[in-house]
Protein backbone atom coordinates (compact mmCIF):
# COMPACT_ATOMS: atom_id res chain seq x y z
CA MET A 1 85.78 92.51 128.85
CA ALA A 2 84.00 89.86 130.98
CA LEU A 3 80.64 90.66 132.59
CA LYS A 4 79.73 90.92 136.32
CA ILE A 5 76.41 88.65 136.66
CA VAL A 6 74.20 87.86 139.19
CA LEU A 7 72.38 84.61 138.95
CA MET A 8 68.42 84.37 140.17
CA GLY A 9 66.86 80.85 140.18
CA THR A 10 65.96 77.84 142.15
CA GLY A 11 64.84 74.87 140.03
CA GLU A 12 66.68 72.04 138.16
CA PHE A 13 66.15 74.29 134.73
CA ALA A 14 68.26 76.77 136.09
CA LEU A 15 71.26 74.76 137.01
CA PRO A 16 72.53 73.81 133.54
CA PRO A 17 72.94 77.31 132.48
CA PHE A 18 73.99 78.56 135.57
CA ARG A 19 76.64 75.99 136.11
CA ALA A 20 77.97 77.16 132.63
CA LEU A 21 78.13 80.88 133.48
CA MET A 22 80.16 80.00 136.41
CA GLU A 23 82.50 78.19 134.26
CA SER A 24 82.68 80.83 131.58
CA GLU A 25 84.84 84.03 131.14
CA HIS A 26 81.99 86.10 133.17
CA ILE A 27 82.50 86.73 136.72
CA VAL A 28 79.16 85.56 138.62
CA THR A 29 79.19 88.01 141.68
CA GLY A 30 76.33 86.45 143.74
CA LEU A 31 73.00 84.07 143.54
CA LEU A 32 69.61 84.75 144.69
CA THR A 33 67.61 81.60 145.26
CA GLN A 34 64.29 80.81 147.08
CA PRO A 35 64.56 80.24 150.99
CA ASP A 36 65.18 76.55 151.86
CA LYS A 37 62.04 74.26 152.59
CA THR A 38 61.30 71.62 154.79
CA GLY A 39 59.43 68.78 153.82
CA ARG A 40 57.82 65.62 155.26
CA GLY A 41 59.58 64.57 158.42
CA HIS A 42 61.50 67.91 158.68
CA HIS A 43 63.64 66.69 155.58
CA ARG A 44 65.42 69.55 154.10
CA HIS A 45 65.04 69.68 150.03
CA VAL A 46 68.36 69.89 148.38
CA ASN A 47 68.86 73.20 146.40
CA LYS A 48 71.33 72.25 143.64
CA VAL A 49 71.45 75.89 142.56
CA LYS A 50 72.64 77.03 146.04
CA GLU A 51 75.08 74.01 146.77
CA LEU A 52 76.67 74.81 143.09
CA ALA A 53 77.34 78.43 144.28
CA LEU A 54 78.67 77.57 147.64
CA GLU A 55 81.01 74.97 146.06
CA ARG A 56 82.39 77.99 144.11
CA SER A 57 82.37 80.58 147.09
CA ILE A 58 79.90 82.64 145.46
CA PRO A 59 77.70 84.90 147.68
CA VAL A 60 74.24 83.50 148.40
CA LEU A 61 70.99 85.36 149.13
CA GLN A 62 67.68 83.71 149.83
CA PRO A 63 65.16 86.69 150.86
CA GLU A 64 61.54 85.61 151.51
CA ARG A 65 60.75 88.81 149.70
CA VAL A 66 63.19 89.95 147.25
CA ASN A 67 61.86 93.52 146.48
CA LYS A 68 62.48 94.62 149.96
CA PRO A 69 64.63 97.79 150.38
CA ASP A 70 67.43 95.76 152.41
CA VAL A 71 67.56 93.19 149.56
CA LEU A 72 67.79 95.68 146.82
CA GLU A 73 70.69 97.50 148.71
CA GLN A 74 72.46 93.81 148.93
CA LEU A 75 71.99 93.55 145.08
CA GLN A 76 73.31 96.71 144.23
CA ALA A 77 76.49 96.24 146.19
CA PHE A 78 77.11 93.39 143.70
CA ASP A 79 77.67 96.02 141.13
CA ALA A 80 76.42 93.84 138.46
CA ASP A 81 76.24 94.74 134.51
CA LEU A 82 72.99 92.12 134.10
CA PHE A 83 70.97 89.60 136.23
CA VAL A 84 70.29 86.50 134.49
CA VAL A 85 66.94 84.62 135.76
CA ALA A 86 65.65 81.31 135.40
CA ALA A 87 62.97 79.48 137.50
CA TYR A 88 63.29 82.15 140.19
CA GLY A 89 59.51 82.33 141.28
CA GLN A 90 59.29 85.82 142.59
CA ILE A 91 58.02 88.77 140.67
CA LEU A 92 60.52 91.26 140.12
CA ARG A 93 59.38 94.97 140.64
CA PRO A 94 60.80 98.23 138.60
CA GLN A 95 63.17 99.43 141.31
CA LEU A 96 64.86 95.76 141.22
CA LEU A 97 65.15 95.47 137.43
CA ALA A 98 66.64 99.14 137.14
CA ILE A 99 69.78 97.95 139.38
CA PRO A 100 72.21 96.16 136.67
CA ARG A 101 73.74 98.43 134.12
CA MET A 102 72.39 96.25 131.36
CA GLY A 103 69.44 94.99 132.64
CA ALA A 104 67.64 91.58 133.93
CA PHE A 105 67.30 88.75 131.25
CA ASN A 106 64.85 85.84 131.89
CA LEU A 107 65.35 82.37 130.41
CA HIS A 108 61.76 80.95 129.66
CA GLY A 109 60.94 77.53 128.57
CA SER A 110 58.99 77.97 125.66
CA LEU A 111 58.87 80.13 122.24
CA LEU A 112 57.38 83.52 123.43
CA PRO A 113 55.11 84.88 123.10
CA ARG A 114 53.16 81.16 123.11
CA HIS A 115 53.03 80.20 127.05
CA ARG A 116 53.79 83.28 129.26
CA GLY A 117 53.60 82.47 132.54
CA ALA A 118 54.50 80.08 135.40
CA ALA A 119 54.05 76.65 133.54
CA PRO A 120 54.94 76.99 129.85
CA VAL A 121 56.65 73.33 129.69
CA GLN A 122 53.81 71.51 131.02
CA TYR A 123 51.33 73.81 128.64
CA SER A 124 53.24 72.95 125.59
CA ILE A 125 52.68 69.37 126.23
CA TRP A 126 48.99 69.71 127.70
CA CYS A 127 48.03 71.70 124.53
CA GLY A 128 49.82 69.06 121.88
CA ASP A 129 52.43 71.31 120.69
CA GLN A 130 54.62 69.93 118.16
CA VAL A 131 57.62 72.42 118.72
CA THR A 132 58.87 74.14 121.97
CA GLY A 133 62.00 75.86 123.01
CA VAL A 134 63.79 78.27 125.22
CA THR A 135 63.54 82.05 124.99
CA MET A 136 65.85 84.28 126.46
CA PHE A 137 64.03 87.85 126.99
CA GLN A 138 64.55 91.26 128.93
CA ILE A 139 62.35 91.38 131.77
CA GLU A 140 60.01 94.19 131.90
CA PRO A 141 57.23 94.60 134.64
CA ALA A 142 54.35 93.12 132.54
CA LEU A 143 54.21 89.17 132.56
CA ASP A 144 56.86 87.67 130.06
CA SER A 145 56.39 90.52 127.78
CA GLY A 146 60.03 91.96 127.04
CA PRO A 147 61.77 92.00 124.08
CA VAL A 148 63.65 88.80 122.90
CA ILE A 149 67.23 88.54 122.36
CA GLY A 150 67.74 84.65 121.56
CA LYS A 151 65.87 81.58 120.86
CA VAL A 152 66.48 77.96 120.49
CA GLN A 153 63.44 75.61 119.16
CA THR A 154 63.35 71.91 119.52
CA PRO A 155 60.74 69.06 118.82
CA ILE A 156 58.63 67.66 121.40
CA HIS A 157 58.97 63.70 121.42
CA PRO A 158 55.83 61.69 121.31
CA GLU A 159 56.50 59.91 124.73
CA GLU A 160 58.06 63.23 126.54
CA THR A 161 56.52 64.17 130.18
CA SER A 162 57.26 67.53 131.51
CA GLY A 163 59.81 66.55 133.45
CA ASP A 164 62.07 64.87 130.80
CA LEU A 165 61.41 68.04 128.33
CA MET A 166 62.26 70.37 131.18
CA MET A 167 65.57 68.83 131.81
CA ARG A 168 66.39 68.60 127.93
CA LEU A 169 65.53 72.19 127.67
CA ALA A 170 67.75 73.03 130.40
CA SER A 171 70.31 71.70 128.49
CA LEU A 172 69.49 73.38 125.29
CA SER A 173 69.70 76.78 127.08
CA ILE A 174 73.54 76.50 127.79
CA PRO A 175 74.66 77.65 124.51
CA LEU A 176 71.78 80.21 124.23
CA THR A 177 72.69 81.69 127.30
CA LEU A 178 76.45 82.01 126.64
CA ASP A 179 75.50 83.25 123.08
CA CYS A 180 72.91 86.06 124.63
CA CYS A 181 75.40 87.12 127.27
CA ASN A 182 78.28 87.40 125.14
CA GLN A 183 76.14 89.47 122.52
CA LEU A 184 75.20 91.78 125.21
CA GLU A 185 78.90 91.90 126.05
CA ALA A 186 79.83 93.00 122.66
CA GLY A 187 77.01 95.34 122.12
CA ARG A 188 75.71 93.23 119.16
CA ALA A 189 72.30 91.93 120.88
CA VAL A 190 69.36 92.48 118.96
CA PHE A 191 65.94 93.26 120.87
CA GLU A 192 62.99 91.87 118.98
CA PRO A 193 59.74 92.98 120.34
CA GLN A 194 57.10 90.43 120.94
CA ASN A 195 53.81 89.92 118.68
CA ASP A 196 51.13 90.38 121.22
CA VAL A 197 48.51 88.98 119.11
CA LEU A 198 50.27 85.65 119.29
CA VAL A 199 50.27 85.45 123.32
CA THR A 200 48.84 82.62 125.09
CA LEU A 201 49.16 82.16 129.06
CA SER A 202 50.15 79.43 131.06
CA PRO A 203 49.19 79.92 134.39
CA ARG A 204 50.48 77.63 137.49
CA ILE A 205 49.05 74.49 137.34
CA THR A 206 46.46 72.91 140.17
CA LYS A 207 45.70 69.56 141.46
CA GLN A 208 42.35 69.79 139.97
CA GLN A 209 43.51 70.24 136.60
CA ALA A 210 45.19 66.91 136.61
CA VAL A 211 42.14 65.17 136.75
CA ILE A 212 41.08 63.06 133.76
CA ASP A 213 38.16 64.15 131.87
CA TRP A 214 36.99 61.05 129.75
CA ASN A 215 34.65 63.37 127.66
CA GLN A 216 37.84 64.17 125.92
CA THR A 217 39.75 62.45 122.90
CA ALA A 218 42.53 59.96 123.55
CA ARG A 219 45.17 62.03 122.13
CA GLN A 220 44.14 65.10 124.74
CA ILE A 221 44.12 62.31 127.40
CA ASP A 222 48.05 61.12 126.40
CA CYS A 223 48.92 65.23 126.36
CA LEU A 224 47.30 65.62 129.95
CA VAL A 225 49.12 62.67 131.13
CA ARG A 226 52.39 63.66 130.11
CA ALA A 227 51.83 67.09 130.95
CA MET A 228 51.29 66.59 134.70
CA GLN A 229 54.21 64.50 135.43
CA PRO A 230 56.29 64.78 137.51
CA TRP A 231 53.44 67.06 139.67
CA PRO A 232 50.64 66.86 140.11
CA LYS A 233 50.25 63.66 138.14
CA ALA A 234 47.10 63.01 136.31
CA SER A 235 44.42 61.06 138.24
CA THR A 236 41.04 59.17 137.84
CA TRP A 237 38.57 57.00 140.10
CA LEU A 238 38.17 53.57 139.47
CA GLN A 239 34.47 52.45 140.06
CA ILE A 240 33.87 48.83 140.13
CA GLU A 241 30.24 47.43 140.90
CA GLY A 242 29.76 46.21 144.23
CA ALA A 243 32.64 48.11 145.75
CA ALA A 244 32.29 50.18 148.68
CA ALA A 245 33.65 53.16 147.32
CA PRO A 246 35.72 54.50 143.93
CA VAL A 247 39.56 54.00 144.00
CA ARG A 248 41.51 56.87 143.19
CA CYS A 249 44.26 56.01 140.81
CA ILE A 250 47.38 58.11 139.40
CA VAL A 251 47.61 57.04 135.30
CA LEU A 252 51.54 57.36 134.64
CA ARG A 253 51.24 56.19 131.19
CA ALA A 254 48.20 56.24 128.67
CA LYS A 255 48.64 55.96 124.90
CA PRO A 256 45.58 56.44 122.11
CA VAL A 257 44.97 53.21 120.57
CA LEU A 258 45.91 53.03 116.75
CA PRO A 259 42.78 53.04 114.32
CA ASP A 260 44.10 49.72 112.90
CA ASP A 261 44.88 48.25 116.38
CA SER A 262 41.64 49.09 117.43
CA GLU A 263 39.67 47.31 114.73
CA ARG A 264 41.67 44.16 115.35
CA THR A 265 41.05 44.43 119.23
CA LEU A 266 37.97 45.65 119.54
CA GLY A 267 36.00 44.89 116.57
CA THR A 268 33.31 47.50 116.29
CA GLY A 269 35.24 49.50 118.87
CA THR A 270 31.47 50.14 120.80
CA PHE A 271 32.31 50.77 124.52
CA GLY A 272 29.36 52.76 125.65
CA VAL A 273 30.11 55.98 127.92
CA PRO A 274 33.30 57.77 128.17
CA GLY A 275 35.40 56.02 130.87
CA GLU A 276 34.11 52.67 130.31
CA ILE A 277 36.68 49.87 130.60
CA LYS A 278 37.47 47.00 128.13
CA VAL A 279 39.83 44.37 129.18
CA VAL A 280 41.25 42.54 126.19
CA GLN A 281 44.04 40.02 126.52
CA GLY A 282 45.63 41.81 129.56
CA ARG A 283 45.28 45.27 127.97
CA LEU A 284 43.57 48.09 129.88
CA LEU A 285 41.44 50.01 127.22
CA VAL A 286 39.13 52.84 128.12
CA ALA A 287 36.76 54.54 126.15
CA CYS A 288 37.41 58.14 125.24
CA LEU A 289 34.96 60.63 123.50
CA GLU A 290 36.82 60.20 120.53
CA GLY A 291 39.15 57.18 120.43
CA VAL A 292 40.14 54.71 122.98
CA SER A 293 43.31 55.10 125.47
CA GLU A 294 45.53 52.20 126.67
CA ILE A 295 46.65 52.46 130.12
CA HIS A 296 49.89 50.90 130.60
CA ARG A 297 51.03 52.23 134.11
CA ILE A 298 48.84 53.21 137.04
CA GLN A 299 49.12 53.58 140.60
CA PRO A 300 46.25 53.03 142.80
CA GLU A 301 46.17 55.31 146.13
CA GLY A 302 48.27 53.93 149.00
CA ARG A 303 50.01 51.29 146.53
CA ARG A 304 52.75 50.95 144.19
CA ALA A 305 52.91 52.00 140.59
CA MET A 306 52.01 48.82 138.54
CA ASP A 307 51.57 47.85 134.91
CA ALA A 308 48.28 47.16 133.63
CA GLY A 309 48.33 43.75 133.85
CA ASP A 310 49.17 43.78 137.65
CA PHE A 311 46.48 46.37 138.18
CA ILE A 312 43.68 43.96 136.41
CA ASN A 313 44.75 41.14 138.38
CA GLY A 314 45.07 42.80 141.43
CA TYR A 315 41.39 44.24 141.10
CA SER A 316 39.89 41.30 139.26
CA LEU A 317 39.05 43.97 136.75
CA GLN A 318 36.31 43.00 134.41
CA SER A 319 34.99 44.71 131.00
CA GLY A 320 32.20 47.18 131.98
CA SER A 321 33.89 48.79 134.88
CA ARG A 322 34.55 52.53 134.83
CA PHE A 323 37.02 55.37 135.17
CA ILE A 324 34.81 58.52 136.47
CA GLY A 325 35.82 62.16 137.21
CA SER A 326 35.31 62.18 140.86
CA PRO A 327 34.45 59.89 143.66
CA GLU A 328 30.49 61.56 143.88
CA GLU A 329 30.25 60.94 139.95
CA THR A 330 27.88 57.84 139.35
CA GLY A 331 25.91 56.39 136.47
C-alpha cells in the first residue's frame, strides 16, 4: 500500500529525491518549503522545489515559523504516514514530529554521526575526509541524533567543491530515499542507533571562517578553498609594496605543489614567511606553514575571475609580495 508523504525542503539538495518520490507509487500530499526570498534589485529567487510541486498540483505551504499552531493544524490535515525532510532549514519541535503516523525522516549529507549540523558537505571537504555519503534517519528533538535507517557512501574526489559534492550526493540520495520509504511501508526498516562517541559537529559556516590562514599546510588550504565554494568563497588580501591598501581577493582554485615539482621549481623551496609569493614562469606560488600552494584561479574584489597569469600581469606581481589574513595585518 502506498504511503502518504509530506515533503519538507528548499534547496537543490532536496530536488532529486523529492522528484523521485513524486514520480513513485507513493502519494505526496503536500510540500513545506521556506518563504520566497527577494534578492538585489527585488529579484525573487527561484525555488525549484516549490515549482516542481506546483507543476504537479501538490499543495505548498511556506510558513515563516513551522511550529506555530495553525501550521500544525494544516499539517495534520494532510493525514500523512511520514514526513521526508531535506535541507529544510527550520527546527522541528516534538509536536510537529508527532503528527505523521510513522514519524519524520531526514536526508543528511554525511555519514552520521560524523558532521551533525547545518553544513555537513562543507565540513567533509574542509576536514579532508576521504569518504562521505547520505544518511536517512528518524528525526528526534536533539540535533541529527535519531536512529539511522539507511546510508549510501561515496569517495570525495580530489578536485571536488562543496557545490559539486552537494549535487552528487543529491543524486545518490534518490535510490536511498525510495528504498527507505519502501522498507517503512513493508515494515522491514531497521533502526540503528548512532554511536555518540563518534559524533562531530558541522555548524553553519560564516564568512570569517573562509579567510585563508597561510599559517596552515598547503593541503589544508586546498580543502578550505574547495569547501567554501559556492559560498562564502575563500578570501585573502594581496599586500604589494608601495600600494595604498591591500586588495581583497577570492581564491577559486589553489592546489598543493607536489614535492618533486617543488624541488624543480623552487630549488631549496625557501620562501620566507607564510603567505609570501613567488612568481615562477607565470605560476603563482604561495608559501604555507608546510608545503607550497599554487593559485590557479583568483578574483580580485570588484573584478572578474581570472587565471593566475592574468592576475600576475594585471598587478605586475613580483616575487616577495604577500597574501595576508586581513587588511590590518602588516609585516
